[in-house]
């Protein structure tokens, strides 16, 4: 396994990484049509998930540029065939070229480009860029999280009652039932589901959402960059036992998860475990 990267060396990559992601966004944006169907060619992958020529173009561009930026890092992305060499690598780029492809295809603004760098199995750089609004969420391990250069933090919400919650409706219903007291369900605020999972997580990091629920089958590339941003902002992505999410396993698929502040984690995990 190659040597892990130092915090200083990781931080030094930030300006070039930000510019690379901005250039990648410029490849996708001409295919995006606000409020209507994309002009990109679309086909189905095995399993039925859609992919567009924009996904492929961004993935190819990022693989070339990020591999040049850090040649010793291995690669894992949604649109590239998996290579087991990543399992023995000390550094791994984890990339979703377009997170929220269906949103991108339909003209919804909530899609993103998500990039993480793992060092010794842990994310040390995390970027989530929303090209439609030109919003950059960034984090370096140990250095906090920002949105467009301004420090962000999770909300101080202390209980499920009154919390702003988003995610799949069945999971939201379970949360309500599990948090009920004397048969009375908590009055939390249901927020419209955010189609990009990476954006769902970073909106918890910025404090505009308190709880983000994640259905099974999310992949490393949906989560790794956003998870670091949330960790640096005072929260985490964890499973329903409260365990932190791990990355770069042989199968990069996850079960049910919650994105939540540290202060709300125990209450949410307990409530979800009751149903």
Protein backbone atom coordinates (compact mmCIF):
# COMPACT_ATOMS: atom_id res chain seq x y z
CA UNK A 1 0.00 0.00 0.00
CA UNK A 2 1.37 3.43 -0.94
CA UNK A 3 2.06 6.04 1.70
CA UNK A 4 -0.92 8.13 2.77
CA UNK A 5 -0.96 11.81 1.92
CA UNK A 6 -0.27 14.46 4.56
CA UNK A 7 -2.90 17.03 5.49
CA UNK A 8 -0.69 19.76 4.06
CA UNK A 9 -0.23 17.96 0.74
CA UNK A 10 -3.96 17.27 0.50
CA UNK A 11 -4.77 20.92 1.15
CA UNK A 12 -2.30 21.98 -1.54
CA UNK A 13 -4.42 20.13 -4.12
CA UNK A 14 -7.53 22.22 -3.40
CA UNK A 15 -7.06 25.09 -5.92
CA UNK A 16 -6.29 22.74 -8.82
CA UNK A 17 -9.11 20.41 -7.84
CA UNK A 18 -11.61 23.26 -7.66
CA UNK A 19 -10.60 24.50 -11.11
CA UNK A 20 -10.76 20.98 -12.55
CA UNK A 21 -14.30 20.47 -11.22
CA UNK A 22 -15.35 23.84 -12.63
CA UNK A 23 -14.05 22.80 -16.05
CA UNK A 24 -15.88 19.49 -15.74
CA UNK A 25 -19.12 21.35 -14.98
CA UNK A 26 -18.63 23.38 -18.16
CA UNK A 27 -18.74 20.11 -20.12
CA UNK A 28 -22.10 19.12 -18.60
CA UNK A 29 -23.93 22.45 -18.52
CA UNK A 30 -24.57 22.75 -22.29
CA UNK A 31 -26.61 19.53 -22.08
CA UNK A 32 -28.71 20.77 -19.14
CA UNK A 33 -32.04 22.39 -20.01
CA UNK A 34 -33.75 24.05 -17.05
CA UNK A 35 -37.29 22.75 -16.61
CA UNK A 36 -37.17 20.44 -19.62
CA UNK A 37 -35.54 17.32 -20.96
CA UNK A 38 -31.81 17.23 -21.57
CA UNK A 39 -30.37 17.55 -25.03
CA UNK A 40 -27.85 14.80 -24.23
CA UNK A 41 -28.01 11.28 -25.62
CA UNK A 42 -29.36 8.88 -22.97
CA UNK A 43 -29.09 5.12 -22.60
CA UNK A 44 -29.57 2.54 -19.84
CA UNK A 45 -26.85 0.76 -17.92
CA UNK A 46 -27.18 -2.79 -16.71
CA UNK A 47 -29.77 -2.67 -13.93
CA UNK A 48 -31.75 0.01 -15.75
CA UNK A 49 -30.13 3.18 -14.38
CA UNK A 50 -29.87 5.96 -16.97
CA UNK A 51 -26.60 7.45 -18.14
CA UNK A 52 -26.08 10.38 -20.49
CA UNK A 53 -23.24 11.46 -22.72
CA UNK A 54 -22.63 14.24 -20.21
CA UNK A 55 -21.96 11.70 -17.42
CA UNK A 56 -19.42 9.93 -19.61
CA UNK A 57 -17.74 13.14 -20.79
CA UNK A 58 -17.34 14.45 -17.23
CA UNK A 59 -16.10 11.08 -15.96
CA UNK A 60 -13.50 10.78 -18.71
CA UNK A 61 -12.30 14.33 -18.19
CA UNK A 62 -12.00 13.94 -14.42
CA UNK A 63 -10.18 10.62 -14.68
CA UNK A 64 -7.54 12.14 -16.95
CA UNK A 65 -7.12 15.33 -14.95
CA UNK A 66 -7.25 13.88 -11.44
CA UNK A 67 -4.92 11.02 -12.36
CA UNK A 68 -2.44 13.61 -13.63
CA UNK A 69 -2.90 15.68 -10.48
CA UNK A 70 -2.10 12.71 -8.23
CA UNK A 71 -0.72 9.83 -10.33
CA UNK A 72 -0.30 7.37 -7.44
CA UNK A 73 -4.01 7.46 -6.55
CA UNK A 74 -6.32 4.65 -7.67
CA UNK A 75 -9.79 5.31 -9.09
CA UNK A 76 -13.42 4.46 -8.30
CA UNK A 77 -16.30 6.12 -10.11
CA UNK A 78 -19.85 5.44 -11.18
CA UNK A 79 -19.08 5.42 -14.90
CA UNK A 80 -15.76 3.55 -14.98
CA UNK A 81 -15.31 -0.22 -14.74
CA UNK A 82 -14.13 -1.12 -11.26
CA UNK A 83 -10.48 -2.09 -10.86
CA UNK A 84 -9.54 -4.16 -7.79
CA UNK A 85 -6.18 -2.37 -7.63
CA UNK A 86 -7.98 0.29 -5.58
CA UNK A 87 -8.36 -2.14 -2.68
CA UNK A 88 -4.61 -2.14 -2.06
CA UNK A 89 -4.08 1.55 -2.76
CA UNK A 90 -3.29 4.06 -0.04
CA UNK A 91 -4.90 6.84 -2.11
CA UNK A 92 -8.13 6.58 -4.06
CA UNK A 93 -10.15 9.14 -6.01
CA UNK A 94 -13.89 8.48 -5.62
CA UNK A 95 -15.99 10.32 -8.19
CA UNK A 96 -19.60 10.73 -9.25
CA UNK A 97 -19.48 12.73 -12.49
CA UNK A 98 -23.17 13.63 -12.26
CA UNK A 99 -24.92 12.77 -9.00
CA UNK A 100 -28.63 13.02 -9.69
CA UNK A 101 -28.62 12.01 -13.35
CA UNK A 102 -32.42 11.83 -13.48
CA UNK A 103 -32.64 15.39 -12.15
CA UNK A 104 -30.10 16.51 -14.74
CA UNK A 105 -32.11 14.78 -17.48
CA UNK A 106 -35.43 16.36 -16.45
CA UNK A 107 -34.16 19.92 -15.97
CA UNK A 108 -34.22 19.90 -12.15
CA UNK A 109 -31.39 22.04 -10.73
CA UNK A 110 -30.38 19.68 -7.91
CA UNK A 111 -27.61 17.63 -9.52
CA UNK A 112 -23.95 17.79 -8.64
CA UNK A 113 -20.41 16.69 -9.31
CA UNK A 114 -18.99 14.86 -6.28
CA UNK A 115 -15.30 14.12 -5.69
CA UNK A 116 -13.45 12.65 -2.72
CA UNK A 117 -9.86 11.66 -2.10
CA UNK A 118 -9.35 8.76 0.31
CA UNK A 119 -6.09 8.34 2.18
CA UNK A 120 -5.57 5.10 4.12
CA UNK A 121 -9.29 4.42 3.79
CA UNK A 122 -10.54 7.79 5.09
CA UNK A 123 -11.73 10.80 3.07
CA UNK A 124 -9.24 13.67 3.32
CA UNK A 125 -10.67 15.89 0.56
CA UNK A 126 -14.33 16.33 -0.28
CA UNK A 127 -15.93 18.46 -3.00
CA UNK A 128 -19.58 18.73 -4.02
CA UNK A 129 -20.29 21.24 -6.78
CA UNK A 130 -23.81 22.25 -7.86
CA UNK A 131 -23.19 23.65 -11.36
CA UNK A 132 -26.62 25.24 -11.89
CA UNK A 133 -26.15 27.58 -8.92
CA UNK A 134 -22.32 27.53 -9.10
CA UNK A 135 -22.18 26.46 -5.47
CA UNK A 136 -19.02 24.77 -4.15
CA UNK A 137 -19.03 22.75 -0.94
CA UNK A 138 -15.51 21.81 0.15
CA UNK A 139 -13.69 20.20 3.05
CA UNK A 140 -10.18 19.13 3.94
CA UNK A 141 -9.86 16.72 6.87
CA UNK A 142 -9.24 18.66 10.06
CA UNK A 143 -9.76 22.08 8.45
CA UNK A 144 -13.54 22.56 8.53
CA UNK A 145 -16.10 22.81 5.74
CA UNK A 146 -17.09 25.70 3.49
CA UNK A 147 -19.72 26.74 0.98
CA UNK A 148 -18.33 29.16 -1.59
CA UNK A 149 -15.50 29.95 0.81
CA UNK A 150 -17.68 30.64 3.86
CA UNK A 151 -17.52 28.32 6.87
CA UNK A 152 -20.60 26.13 7.35
CA UNK A 153 -21.91 24.13 10.30
CA UNK A 154 -24.84 21.86 11.08
CA UNK A 155 -27.90 23.35 12.71
CA UNK A 156 -28.25 23.37 16.52
CA UNK A 157 -31.56 21.48 16.32
CA UNK A 158 -31.68 19.28 19.43
CA UNK A 159 -34.73 17.06 18.88
CA UNK A 160 -36.72 15.32 16.17
CA UNK A 161 -39.80 17.45 16.88
CA UNK A 162 -39.45 20.53 14.70
CA UNK A 163 -36.53 19.07 12.71
CA UNK A 164 -36.37 19.51 8.94
CA UNK A 165 -36.23 16.03 7.46
CA UNK A 166 -35.81 14.82 3.90
CA UNK A 167 -35.48 11.46 2.20
CA UNK A 168 -37.61 8.55 1.00
CA UNK A 169 -41.15 8.72 2.38
CA UNK A 170 -41.12 5.18 3.85
CA UNK A 171 -38.06 6.07 5.92
CA UNK A 172 -39.61 9.37 6.99
CA UNK A 173 -42.74 7.50 8.11
CA UNK A 174 -40.57 5.05 10.11
CA UNK A 175 -38.76 7.94 11.77
CA UNK A 176 -42.09 9.47 12.79
CA UNK A 177 -43.40 6.20 14.20
CA UNK A 178 -40.17 5.46 16.05
CA UNK A 179 -40.04 8.94 17.60
CA UNK A 180 -43.69 8.90 18.69
CA UNK A 181 -44.40 9.40 22.39
CA UNK A 182 -47.64 8.06 23.91
CA UNK A 183 -48.88 7.44 20.39
CA UNK A 184 -48.29 11.04 19.30
CA UNK A 185 -45.91 11.41 16.37
CA UNK A 186 -43.43 14.29 16.39
CA UNK A 187 -44.26 17.33 14.32
CA UNK A 188 -41.18 17.50 12.11
CA UNK A 189 -40.96 19.46 8.86
CA UNK A 190 -40.90 17.29 5.73
CA UNK A 191 -38.55 18.83 3.16
CA UNK A 192 -38.91 17.94 -0.53
CA UNK A 193 -36.53 15.11 -1.36
CA UNK A 194 -33.22 16.29 -2.82
CA UNK A 195 -32.50 14.11 -5.89
CA UNK A 196 -28.70 14.41 -5.63
CA UNK A 197 -27.67 12.40 -2.59
CA UNK A 198 -24.44 14.36 -2.27
CA UNK A 199 -26.43 17.61 -2.14
CA UNK A 200 -28.83 16.09 0.41
CA UNK A 201 -25.88 15.40 2.71
CA UNK A 202 -24.15 18.77 2.31
CA UNK A 203 -27.41 20.58 3.02
CA UNK A 204 -27.33 18.89 6.39
CA UNK A 205 -23.76 20.20 6.68
CA UNK A 206 -24.81 23.76 5.91
CA UNK A 207 -27.71 23.58 8.39
CA UNK A 208 -30.62 24.01 5.95
CA UNK A 209 -31.73 20.40 6.61
CA UNK A 210 -31.48 18.64 9.98
CA UNK A 211 -31.87 14.98 8.97
CA UNK A 212 -31.18 13.39 5.58
CA UNK A 213 -32.39 9.80 5.21
CA UNK A 214 -30.70 7.52 2.69
CA UNK A 215 -32.31 4.39 1.25
CA UNK A 216 -30.28 1.22 0.60
CA UNK A 217 -27.98 0.85 -2.40
CA UNK A 218 -26.18 4.19 -2.23
CA UNK A 219 -22.61 3.88 -3.50
CA UNK A 220 -19.30 5.25 -2.30
CA UNK A 221 -19.30 7.86 -5.06
CA UNK A 222 -22.65 9.26 -3.87
CA UNK A 223 -21.40 9.76 -0.35
CA UNK A 224 -17.65 9.98 0.29
CA UNK A 225 -17.03 13.64 -0.57
CA UNK A 226 -20.26 14.87 1.03
CA UNK A 227 -19.64 12.75 4.13
CA UNK A 228 -16.31 14.48 4.78
CA UNK A 229 -17.96 17.87 4.36
CA UNK A 230 -20.62 16.85 6.90
CA UNK A 231 -18.03 15.47 9.32
CA UNK A 232 -16.11 18.73 9.18
CA UNK A 233 -19.35 20.69 9.74
CA UNK A 234 -20.30 18.75 12.89
CA UNK A 235 -22.19 15.68 11.71
CA UNK A 236 -21.76 12.36 9.95
CA UNK A 237 -23.28 9.79 7.66
CA UNK A 238 -23.92 6.68 9.75
CA UNK A 239 -25.85 3.42 9.60
CA UNK A 240 -28.88 2.64 11.75
CA UNK A 241 -26.62 1.45 14.55
CA UNK A 242 -24.82 4.79 14.60
CA UNK A 243 -21.63 3.45 13.01
CA UNK A 244 -19.64 5.73 10.71
CA UNK A 245 -19.69 4.93 7.01
CA UNK A 246 -16.62 3.16 5.62
CA UNK A 247 -15.35 3.40 2.06
CA UNK A 248 -13.32 1.53 -0.54
CA UNK A 249 -14.56 -1.94 0.40
CA UNK A 250 -14.75 -4.70 -2.24
CA UNK A 251 -18.46 -3.93 -2.68
CA UNK A 252 -18.95 -0.14 -2.46
CA UNK A 253 -22.71 -0.45 -1.78
CA UNK A 254 -24.34 0.72 1.46
CA UNK A 255 -27.48 -0.10 3.40
CA UNK A 256 -29.85 2.39 5.02
CA UNK A 257 -28.06 5.47 6.32
CA UNK A 258 -28.76 8.78 8.00
CA UNK A 259 -26.97 12.10 7.50
CA UNK A 260 -27.34 14.04 10.71
CA UNK A 261 -25.62 16.33 13.19
CA UNK A 262 -23.79 14.75 16.10
CA UNK A 263 -26.34 16.26 18.48
CA UNK A 264 -29.30 14.58 16.75
CA UNK A 265 -27.64 11.31 15.81
CA UNK A 266 -28.57 9.25 18.87
CA UNK A 267 -32.21 10.35 18.79
CA UNK A 268 -32.57 9.59 15.09
CA UNK A 269 -30.76 6.24 15.27
CA UNK A 270 -32.85 5.19 18.27
CA UNK A 271 -36.10 6.17 16.58
CA UNK A 272 -35.22 4.35 13.36
CA UNK A 273 -34.28 1.25 15.36
CA UNK A 274 -37.71 1.01 16.99
CA UNK A 275 -39.55 0.20 13.76
